[in-house]
Protein backbone atom coordinates (compact mmCIF):
# COMPACT_ATOMS: atom_id res chain seq x y z
CA MET A 1 29.15 43.97 -5.17
CA ALA A 2 25.44 43.38 -5.65
CA HIS A 3 23.67 41.60 -2.83
CA THR A 4 22.61 38.02 -3.63
CA SER A 5 19.95 36.26 -1.61
CA THR A 6 20.55 32.87 -0.05
CA GLY A 7 17.87 31.30 -2.21
CA GLU A 8 19.47 32.67 -5.37
CA THR A 9 22.87 31.44 -4.23
CA ASP A 10 21.50 27.97 -3.50
CA SER A 11 19.69 27.86 -6.83
CA GLY A 12 22.87 28.59 -8.65
CA LEU A 13 24.71 26.08 -6.53
CA ILE A 14 22.54 23.10 -7.32
CA GLY A 15 22.26 24.05 -10.96
CA SER A 16 25.93 24.66 -11.50
CA ASP A 17 27.72 22.46 -13.95
CA HIS A 18 30.95 22.99 -12.02
CA GLY A 19 29.80 21.53 -8.72
CA GLN A 20 30.03 17.91 -7.71
CA VAL A 21 26.26 17.52 -7.75
CA SER A 22 23.84 18.97 -10.28
CA ALA A 23 20.10 19.49 -10.27
CA GLY A 24 19.88 16.40 -12.48
CA ASP A 25 21.78 14.36 -9.90
CA ILE A 26 19.42 15.53 -7.18
CA ALA A 27 16.41 14.72 -9.35
CA VAL A 28 17.68 11.18 -9.96
CA GLY A 29 18.35 10.71 -6.25
CA VAL A 30 14.88 11.96 -5.37
CA ILE A 31 13.11 9.76 -7.94
CA VAL A 32 15.07 6.63 -6.95
CA GLY A 33 14.47 7.30 -3.27
CA ARG A 34 10.75 7.96 -3.62
CA THR A 35 10.32 5.01 -5.99
CA SER A 36 11.85 2.68 -3.41
CA GLU A 37 9.51 4.00 -0.70
CA PHE A 38 6.41 3.71 -2.87
CA PHE A 39 7.44 0.29 -4.16
CA ASP A 40 7.58 -0.93 -0.54
CA PHE A 41 4.21 0.75 0.01
CA PHE A 42 2.51 -0.93 -2.93
CA VAL A 43 4.10 -4.35 -2.41
CA TYR A 44 2.65 -4.41 1.08
CA ALA A 45 -0.68 -2.92 -0.07
CA ILE A 46 -1.16 -5.50 -2.83
CA ALA A 47 -0.22 -8.33 -0.47
CA SER A 48 -2.78 -6.93 2.01
CA VAL A 49 -5.49 -7.74 -0.53
CA ILE A 50 -4.42 -10.98 -2.22
CA VAL A 51 -2.11 -12.65 0.32
CA PHE A 52 -2.47 -11.73 3.99
CA PRO A 53 -6.24 -12.37 4.36
CA LYS A 54 -5.60 -16.01 3.39
CA LEU A 55 -2.14 -16.42 4.89
CA VAL A 56 -2.56 -14.58 8.20
CA PHE A 57 -6.34 -14.34 8.72
CA PRO A 58 -7.67 -17.63 7.27
CA THR A 59 -10.17 -18.10 10.11
CA HIS A 60 -12.17 -15.05 8.98
CA ASP A 61 -14.25 -14.50 5.87
CA PRO A 62 -12.40 -12.70 3.04
CA LEU A 63 -13.92 -9.27 3.71
CA VAL A 64 -13.16 -9.31 7.44
CA GLY A 65 -9.69 -10.72 6.79
CA THR A 66 -8.97 -7.89 4.34
CA LEU A 67 -10.22 -5.29 6.83
CA TYR A 68 -7.89 -6.72 9.49
CA SER A 69 -5.09 -6.68 6.94
CA PHE A 70 -5.78 -3.01 6.18
CA ALA A 71 -5.77 -2.27 9.92
CA ILE A 72 -2.20 -3.61 10.12
CA PHE A 73 -1.44 -1.62 6.95
CA ALA A 74 -2.31 1.55 8.90
CA LEU A 75 0.22 0.81 11.67
CA ALA A 76 3.12 2.07 9.55
CA PHE A 77 1.48 5.48 9.15
CA ILE A 78 0.88 5.72 12.90
CA ALA A 79 4.50 4.75 13.60
CA ARG A 80 5.99 7.10 11.00
CA PRO A 81 5.87 10.32 13.09
CA PHE A 82 7.61 8.49 15.94
CA GLY A 83 10.28 7.45 13.46
CA SER A 84 10.74 11.08 12.48
CA VAL A 85 11.29 12.07 16.12
CA LEU A 86 13.84 9.28 16.59
CA PHE A 87 15.76 9.85 13.39
CA MET A 88 15.78 13.63 13.67
CA ALA A 89 17.75 13.07 16.88
CA VAL A 90 20.10 10.74 15.01
CA ASP A 91 20.45 13.36 12.28
CA ARG A 92 21.41 16.09 14.75
CA ALA A 93 23.86 13.84 16.61
CA TYR A 94 25.50 11.84 13.82
CA GLY A 95 24.60 13.44 10.51
CA ARG A 96 22.36 12.82 7.51
CA GLY A 97 24.38 9.91 6.13
CA ALA A 98 24.16 7.91 9.36
CA LYS A 99 20.44 8.64 9.62
CA LEU A 100 19.66 7.46 6.10
CA THR A 101 21.83 4.36 6.41
CA ILE A 102 20.17 3.23 9.66
CA ALA A 103 16.66 4.09 8.44
CA LEU A 104 17.00 2.29 5.10
CA PHE A 105 18.65 -0.70 6.77
CA LEU A 106 15.67 -0.91 9.16
CA LEU A 107 13.26 -0.52 6.24
CA GLY A 108 14.96 -3.25 4.25
CA THR A 109 15.16 -5.59 7.24
CA SER A 110 11.48 -5.11 8.08
CA THR A 111 10.52 -5.71 4.45
CA VAL A 112 12.60 -8.89 4.15
CA ALA A 113 11.17 -10.10 7.46
CA ILE A 114 7.71 -10.02 5.86
CA ALA A 115 9.06 -12.15 3.00
CA PHE A 116 9.91 -14.87 5.55
CA LEU A 117 6.61 -14.59 7.43
CA PRO A 118 5.19 -18.02 8.39
CA ALA A 119 1.52 -18.69 7.79
CA TYR A 120 -1.16 -18.68 10.48
CA GLY A 121 -1.49 -22.42 9.96
CA ASP A 122 2.15 -22.87 11.01
CA ILE A 123 2.50 -20.65 14.09
CA GLY A 124 -1.03 -19.46 14.85
CA VAL A 125 -1.72 -15.95 16.15
CA LEU A 126 2.03 -15.25 16.35
CA ALA A 127 1.92 -14.71 12.57
CA ILE A 128 -0.36 -11.70 13.11
CA TRP A 129 1.95 -10.20 15.74
CA LEU A 130 5.02 -10.71 13.57
CA LEU A 131 3.32 -9.03 10.60
CA ALA A 132 2.28 -6.11 12.80
CA LEU A 133 5.80 -5.79 14.22
CA ALA A 134 7.36 -5.76 10.74
CA ARG A 135 4.83 -3.18 9.58
CA ILE A 136 5.62 -0.93 12.55
CA GLY A 137 9.31 -1.33 11.70
CA GLN A 138 8.59 -0.15 8.18
CA GLY A 139 6.75 2.89 9.50
CA VAL A 140 9.49 3.89 11.95
CA ALA A 141 12.05 3.51 9.16
CA LEU A 142 10.01 5.62 6.75
CA GLY A 143 10.11 8.40 9.32
CA GLY A 144 13.87 8.41 8.93
CA THR A 145 14.02 8.37 5.15
CA TRP A 146 13.15 12.07 4.81
CA ASP A 147 16.29 13.57 3.28
CA GLY A 148 15.11 17.08 2.44
CA LEU A 149 15.84 16.66 -1.26
CA PRO A 150 12.24 17.31 -2.41
CA SER A 151 12.27 20.61 -0.49
CA LEU A 152 15.68 21.39 -1.93
CA LEU A 153 14.38 20.89 -5.45
CA ALA A 154 11.13 22.80 -4.98
CA LEU A 155 12.29 25.74 -2.92
CA ASN A 156 15.70 26.40 -4.47
CA ALA A 157 14.41 26.12 -8.03
CA PRO A 158 13.94 29.23 -10.20
CA ARG A 159 10.72 30.87 -9.10
CA ASN A 160 9.04 30.43 -12.48
CA ARG A 161 9.80 26.67 -12.47
CA ARG A 162 8.93 25.70 -8.91
CA GLY A 163 5.93 23.68 -10.05
CA PHE A 164 8.14 21.66 -12.38
CA TYR A 165 10.64 20.85 -9.64
CA ALA A 166 7.87 20.12 -7.11
CA MET A 167 6.42 17.35 -9.30
CA ILE A 168 9.70 15.42 -9.69
CA PRO A 169 9.55 13.57 -6.32
CA GLN A 170 5.93 12.57 -7.00
CA LEU A 171 6.97 10.48 -10.02
CA GLY A 172 8.13 7.81 -7.59
CA ALA A 173 4.52 6.86 -6.76
CA PRO A 174 3.33 5.67 -10.21
CA ILE A 175 6.73 4.16 -11.01
CA GLY A 176 6.65 2.18 -7.78
CA LEU A 177 3.07 1.08 -8.49
CA ILE A 178 3.92 -0.05 -12.02
CA VAL A 179 6.82 -2.21 -10.87
CA ALA A 180 4.92 -3.67 -7.90
CA SER A 181 1.77 -4.40 -9.93
CA ALA A 182 3.74 -5.96 -12.78
CA LEU A 183 5.67 -8.23 -10.40
CA PHE A 184 2.57 -9.47 -8.61
CA ALA A 185 0.66 -9.85 -11.88
CA PHE A 186 3.48 -12.00 -13.28
CA PHE A 187 3.55 -14.36 -10.30
CA VAL A 188 -0.24 -14.57 -9.98
CA ALA A 189 -0.63 -15.32 -13.70
CA ASN A 190 2.15 -17.90 -13.94
CA LEU A 191 1.84 -19.83 -10.67
CA SER A 192 -0.86 -22.03 -9.27
CA ALA A 193 -2.82 -20.58 -6.37
CA ASP A 194 -1.06 -22.93 -3.93
CA ASP A 195 2.42 -22.08 -5.20
CA PHE A 196 1.69 -18.37 -5.15
CA LEU A 197 0.51 -18.46 -1.54
CA ALA A 198 3.36 -20.76 -0.52
CA TRP A 199 6.27 -18.84 -1.99
CA GLY A 200 5.50 -16.73 -5.07
CA TRP A 201 4.21 -13.68 -3.17
CA ARG A 202 7.47 -13.45 -1.24
CA TYR A 203 9.67 -12.48 -4.20
CA PRO A 204 8.43 -8.87 -4.54
CA PHE A 205 9.51 -8.28 -0.94
CA PHE A 206 13.04 -9.47 -1.78
CA VAL A 207 13.04 -7.09 -4.76
CA ALA A 208 11.98 -4.29 -2.42
CA PHE A 209 15.07 -4.93 -0.29
CA ALA A 210 17.33 -4.73 -3.37
CA ILE A 211 15.72 -1.47 -4.47
CA ASN A 212 16.26 -0.03 -0.99
CA VAL A 213 19.99 -0.76 -1.28
CA VAL A 214 20.14 1.07 -4.62
CA ALA A 215 18.17 3.98 -3.14
CA LEU A 216 20.55 4.21 -0.20
CA PHE A 217 23.61 4.67 -2.41
CA ALA A 218 21.76 7.08 -4.73
CA ARG A 219 20.93 9.30 -1.76
CA LEU A 220 24.29 9.02 -0.02
CA ARG A 221 25.97 10.07 -3.25
CA ILE A 222 24.23 13.43 -2.84
CA VAL A 223 24.09 14.05 0.90
CA VAL A 224 27.85 13.60 1.42
CA THR A 225 28.81 16.20 -1.22
CA PRO A 226 30.26 19.58 -0.20
CA GLU A 227 27.32 21.33 -1.91
CA PHE A 228 24.80 19.50 0.22
CA SER A 229 26.87 20.14 3.34
CA LYS A 230 26.82 23.89 2.64
CA LEU A 231 23.02 23.85 2.36
CA TYR A 232 22.85 21.78 5.54
CA GLU A 233 25.06 24.23 7.44
CA SER A 234 23.24 27.29 6.10
CA GLY A 235 20.04 26.11 7.78
CA ASP A 236 18.04 25.19 4.68
CA LEU A 237 18.40 21.46 5.44
CA GLN A 238 19.16 21.69 9.16
CA PRO A 239 16.92 19.58 11.44
CA THR A 240 15.41 21.41 14.38
CA ARG A 241 13.70 20.04 17.47
CA ILE A 242 10.18 18.98 16.61
CA ARG A 243 8.59 20.73 19.58
CA ASP A 244 10.28 23.98 18.54
CA THR A 245 9.05 23.55 14.97
CA ILE A 246 5.49 22.84 16.11
CA ARG A 247 5.58 25.88 18.38
CA ALA A 248 6.82 28.14 15.58
CA GLU A 249 5.09 26.61 12.56
CA GLY A 250 2.09 24.76 14.01
CA ARG A 251 -0.51 26.44 11.79
CA ASN A 252 1.52 25.76 8.65
CA VAL A 253 1.92 22.11 9.66
CA VAL A 254 -1.84 21.68 10.15
CA VAL A 255 -2.73 23.37 6.86
CA GLY A 256 -0.02 21.43 5.04
CA ALA A 257 -1.25 18.14 6.47
CA PHE A 258 -4.82 18.65 5.29
CA ALA A 259 -4.22 20.42 1.97
CA PRO A 260 -3.41 17.21 0.05
CA LEU A 261 -6.25 15.07 1.45
CA ALA A 262 -8.12 15.07 -1.87
CA SER A 263 -5.01 13.69 -3.57
CA PHE A 264 -4.44 11.05 -0.90
CA ALA A 265 -8.08 9.97 -0.83
CA LEU A 266 -8.01 9.56 -4.61
CA PHE A 267 -4.58 7.92 -4.31
CA HIS A 268 -6.18 4.93 -2.57
CA MET A 269 -9.35 5.04 -4.62
CA VAL A 270 -7.32 4.19 -7.74
CA THR A 271 -4.64 1.95 -6.21
CA VAL A 272 -5.41 -0.15 -3.12
CA PHE A 273 -9.19 0.09 -2.76
CA PRO A 274 -10.30 -0.90 -6.30
CA LEU A 275 -8.09 -3.98 -6.19
CA SER A 276 -9.75 -5.05 -2.93
CA TRP A 277 -13.24 -4.38 -4.34
CA VAL A 278 -12.63 -6.31 -7.56
CA PHE A 279 -10.92 -9.16 -5.71
CA LEU A 280 -13.67 -9.50 -3.09
CA PHE A 281 -16.86 -8.66 -4.95
CA THR A 282 -16.33 -9.85 -8.52
CA ASN A 283 -15.28 -13.09 -10.16
CA GLU A 284 -12.26 -11.49 -11.85
CA GLY A 285 -8.74 -12.61 -11.03
CA PRO A 286 -6.24 -10.11 -9.60
CA ALA A 287 -3.70 -10.46 -12.43
CA ARG A 288 -5.93 -8.74 -15.00
CA PHE A 289 -6.77 -5.81 -12.73
CA LEU A 290 -3.14 -5.43 -11.66
CA ALA A 291 -2.28 -5.09 -15.36
CA ILE A 292 -4.97 -2.41 -15.73
CA GLU A 293 -3.46 -0.58 -12.76
CA ALA A 294 0.03 -0.70 -14.21
CA VAL A 295 -1.07 0.65 -17.60
CA SER A 296 -3.29 3.32 -16.03
CA ALA A 297 -0.36 4.47 -13.90
CA LEU A 298 1.38 5.52 -17.14
CA PHE A 299 -1.38 8.11 -17.56
CA GLY A 300 -0.62 9.16 -14.00
CA ILE A 301 3.03 9.73 -14.88
CA ALA A 302 2.04 11.90 -17.84
CA ALA A 303 -0.37 13.91 -15.67
CA ILE A 304 2.25 14.43 -12.95
CA VAL A 305 4.70 15.77 -15.54
CA ALA A 306 1.97 18.02 -16.97
CA SER A 307 1.20 19.37 -13.49
CA GLY A 308 4.61 21.08 -13.41
CA PRO A 309 4.15 23.58 -16.27
CA LEU A 310 0.46 23.95 -15.38
CA ALA A 311 1.34 24.93 -11.83
CA ASP A 312 3.98 27.34 -13.06
CA ARG A 313 1.39 28.96 -15.29
CA VAL A 314 -1.66 29.15 -13.00
CA GLY A 315 -0.10 28.66 -9.54
CA ARG A 316 0.18 25.56 -7.41
CA ARG A 317 -2.69 26.46 -5.11
CA ALA A 318 -4.98 27.17 -8.05
CA LEU A 319 -4.10 23.83 -9.63
CA LEU A 320 -4.59 21.90 -6.39
CA GLY A 321 -7.89 23.67 -5.74
CA GLY A 322 -9.13 23.05 -9.28
CA SER A 323 -8.06 19.41 -9.01
CA ALA A 324 -9.98 19.07 -5.72
CA ILE A 325 -13.13 20.35 -7.43
CA ALA A 326 -12.58 17.88 -10.29
CA ILE A 327 -12.06 15.06 -7.77
CA ALA A 328 -15.29 16.04 -6.01
CA THR A 329 -17.08 15.83 -9.36
CA PHE A 330 -15.40 12.49 -10.12
CA SER A 331 -16.64 11.09 -6.80
CA GLY A 332 -20.20 11.44 -8.06
CA PHE A 333 -19.82 8.90 -10.87
CA ALA A 334 -16.67 6.97 -9.93
CA PRO A 335 -18.61 4.20 -8.10
CA GLN A 336 -20.76 3.54 -11.18
CA LEU A 337 -17.65 3.24 -13.35
CA LEU A 338 -15.90 0.82 -11.01
CA ASP A 339 -19.04 -1.31 -10.94
CA GLY A 340 -19.42 -1.14 -14.74
CA GLY A 341 -17.43 -4.16 -15.91
CA THR A 342 -14.13 -4.12 -17.76
CA VAL A 343 -14.81 -0.94 -19.75
CA GLY A 344 -16.01 0.88 -16.66
CA GLU A 345 -12.99 -0.27 -14.65
CA ILE A 346 -10.60 0.97 -17.32
CA LEU A 347 -12.33 4.36 -17.55
CA PHE A 348 -12.36 4.60 -13.76
CA MET A 349 -8.65 3.88 -13.52
CA VAL A 350 -7.51 6.11 -16.42
CA LEU A 351 -9.62 9.10 -15.39
CA GLY A 352 -8.69 8.57 -11.76
CA PHE A 353 -4.97 8.47 -12.51
CA ILE A 354 -5.13 11.59 -14.66
CA LEU A 355 -6.84 13.51 -11.85
CA LEU A 356 -4.45 11.98 -9.33
CA GLY A 357 -1.42 13.01 -11.36
CA LEU A 358 -2.55 16.62 -11.67
CA SER A 359 -3.29 16.95 -7.95
CA PHE A 360 -0.67 14.66 -6.46
CA GLY A 361 2.02 16.19 -8.64
CA GLN A 362 1.82 19.44 -6.65
CA SER A 363 0.43 18.25 -3.32
CA SER A 364 3.77 18.14 -1.51
CA GLY A 365 4.98 21.59 -2.53
CA VAL A 366 1.89 23.71 -2.25
CA VAL A 367 2.46 24.82 1.35
CA ALA A 368 6.21 24.11 1.67
CA SER A 369 7.10 27.73 0.96
CA SER A 370 5.13 28.76 4.06
CA PHE A 371 7.86 27.46 6.36
CA SER A 372 10.64 29.73 7.51
CA ARG A 373 14.07 28.66 6.34
CA HIS A 374 15.11 27.63 9.85
CA HIS A 375 12.20 25.21 10.25
CA ARG A 376 11.79 24.20 6.60
CA TYR A 377 13.42 20.77 6.79
CA THR A 378 11.72 19.55 9.96
CA GLY A 379 8.42 21.26 9.16
CA SER A 380 8.24 19.56 5.76
CA ALA A 381 9.00 16.17 7.33
CA ILE A 382 6.31 16.52 10.01
CA THR A 383 3.77 17.75 7.47
CA SER A 384 4.47 14.79 5.20
CA ASP A 385 4.08 12.33 8.10
CA LEU A 386 0.77 13.79 9.24
CA ALA A 387 -0.61 14.11 5.70
CA TRP A 388 0.09 10.45 5.00
CA MET A 389 -1.33 9.37 8.36
CA PHE A 390 -4.58 11.31 8.07
CA GLY A 391 -4.99 11.05 4.31
CA ALA A 392 -3.60 7.62 3.50
CA GLY A 393 -3.08 5.45 6.55
CA PHE A 394 -6.71 4.59 7.16
CA ALA A 395 -8.04 5.22 3.65
CA PRO A 396 -8.16 1.58 2.41
CA LEU A 397 -9.73 0.45 5.69
CA ALA A 398 -12.33 3.23 5.74
CA ALA A 399 -13.22 2.97 2.04
CA LEU A 400 -13.62 -0.83 2.11
CA LEU A 401 -15.54 -0.74 5.38
CA LEU A 402 -17.95 1.84 3.98
CA ALA A 403 -18.32 0.16 0.59
CA GLY A 404 -18.71 -3.31 2.11
CA ASN A 405 -21.56 -2.14 4.34
CA PHE A 406 -23.24 0.60 2.32
CA GLY A 407 -22.18 -0.01 -1.29
CA LEU A 408 -19.74 1.71 -3.61
CA ILE A 409 -21.60 5.00 -3.35
CA ALA A 410 -20.26 5.32 0.21
CA ALA A 411 -16.70 5.12 -1.12
CA GLY A 412 -17.57 8.02 -3.42
CA ALA A 413 -18.71 9.99 -0.38
CA TYR A 414 -15.38 9.29 1.30
CA LEU A 415 -13.58 10.69 -1.73
CA LEU A 416 -15.81 13.77 -1.65
CA SER A 417 -14.90 14.39 1.99
CA GLY A 418 -11.19 14.43 1.08
CA ALA A 419 -11.84 17.03 -1.62
CA ALA A 420 -13.76 19.17 0.87
CA CYS A 421 -10.85 19.05 3.35
CA THR A 422 -8.41 20.15 0.65
CA LEU A 423 -10.57 23.10 -0.41
CA LEU A 424 -11.02 24.19 3.20
CA ALA A 425 -7.26 23.96 3.93
CA LEU A 426 -6.41 25.91 0.77
CA TRP A 427 -8.98 28.58 1.62
CA ILE A 428 -7.47 29.01 5.09
CA ASP A 429 -3.96 29.11 3.65
CA ARG A 430 -4.91 31.66 0.99
CA ARG A 431 -6.41 33.96 3.61
CA ARG A 432 -3.24 33.72 5.66
CA SER A 433 -1.14 34.22 2.53
CA ALA A 434 -2.92 37.43 1.70
CA ALA A 435 -2.47 38.72 5.24
CA ASP A 436 1.01 37.50 6.15
CA ARG A 437 3.10 36.92 3.04
CA PRO A 438 3.11 37.27 -0.75
CA VAL A 439 0.88 34.83 -2.56
CA ASP A 440 2.94 32.02 -4.16
C-alpha cells in the first residue's frame, strides 16, 4: 500500500462528502465564529467613539474622553493572552467543547454587562471601573475562543489552494463591521441624541450576545464530530503547554506576531480611527460616515476573496510583502484624503479597504506553516494574541494621540511604521525559510 502523509489524510478527511463534517461546514463555522468576534470588536470600538466619552467620561473634553475610552479598549488585548493560558488548561482538562462554551458564555455575559452600564452621572467613577472590568472579561473570553479551525482550513487544504482557505476566516472582519456600522447608523439616524445616549446605543450589545449564541452552536457542531476528534487526537489540534510551545517555537511566534502589523495598522486606520477623527474634528454626524464604512467594507470583502487566488499564484509572503509596500505608499497620501471632504473620505475608505483586504486576507496564514504539527494549535493561538495586542490593541489610542497633537500626517507615519515592521518580519522569515525549510 502506498504511504499517505498525515496532511494528505487530513485533507481528504475534511473534504470528504462521506464524513459528518465537510470543508464547507468548517468554512461556515469559521466565518460565523469570526464574524461574532469581530462584531463584538466593532460594537465596542464604535461605542468608544460616539458613546463612552459622553456617557463615562463627561467631565473631560471630547478628545481626552475618547483617548481614555481607547485606553480601556486596549485592556481586552492585554487580557487576551492570559485568557489563552487559562482556557488552554480548560481545553486540556475538559475538552474543546467545554472550553468554547465557557469562553463564549463569558464573552456574551461581558458584552451584555456593557449594555446595562450606568452612566457616570448615575454612579460616578464606578462606571469607569465597571466598563474596564467588562472589557477585561471580553479579552479573557476572546483568549478562549480560539478553536483551531482557521489552522485546520489553511494547513490541511490542498497545497495549491492554501491561500484560498487562509482567507476564509478573515471574511468575518468586514462582515462584522458592516453589521455593527449599519446597526449604529440606524439608531443614530433615527433617534434623538438624548434617546440614543439613554438607551439606543445599548441594542447593538444585545445583538452581539445573540450572535455569540449562534456562533457557539455553529462551532460546537464541528468540534464534537468524530472527524474533528481524530484531528485533535492526532496532534494537529492538540493544545500544548504554552511555556513548552514558546521554548520550541519562540522565533516563529515572534515573527508571526510582527508579520501582520501593516495589516493591523491599516485595519484601524480605516475602521476605528477615521470615525474618531471625523466625529471629533469635523461637523459631520457619525451616521453618514458609518454608512461610508459599511459600503467600503464591501470592497474589503471582495479584496479578501481576491487575495486567495492571488496568494496561490504568487505566494502568501510575496502578497503580504507587496501589500506592505502598497500600504507604505498609501500612508503618504492617506491623511490628505481623509482631510479632503466627502469625496476624499470615500476614496480614503475604498482604497484603504482594498489594500486591507489584500493584506489582511493572508495575514493569519503566512507564518502558520512554520509551526511543527505538535505545537501548531497553541503556537497559532499565541501568535494571534500577540499580533492583535501589538498591532491592534493600542492602534486607535496611538493614532488619535498622534493626530490630535501633530496632525493627520502623524497618523500616516504610524501606518508607515506598521508596514516597515511587516517587511522586516517577512525578510527575517524568508531568510530562515531558505535555511531551515522549503519556501512556502
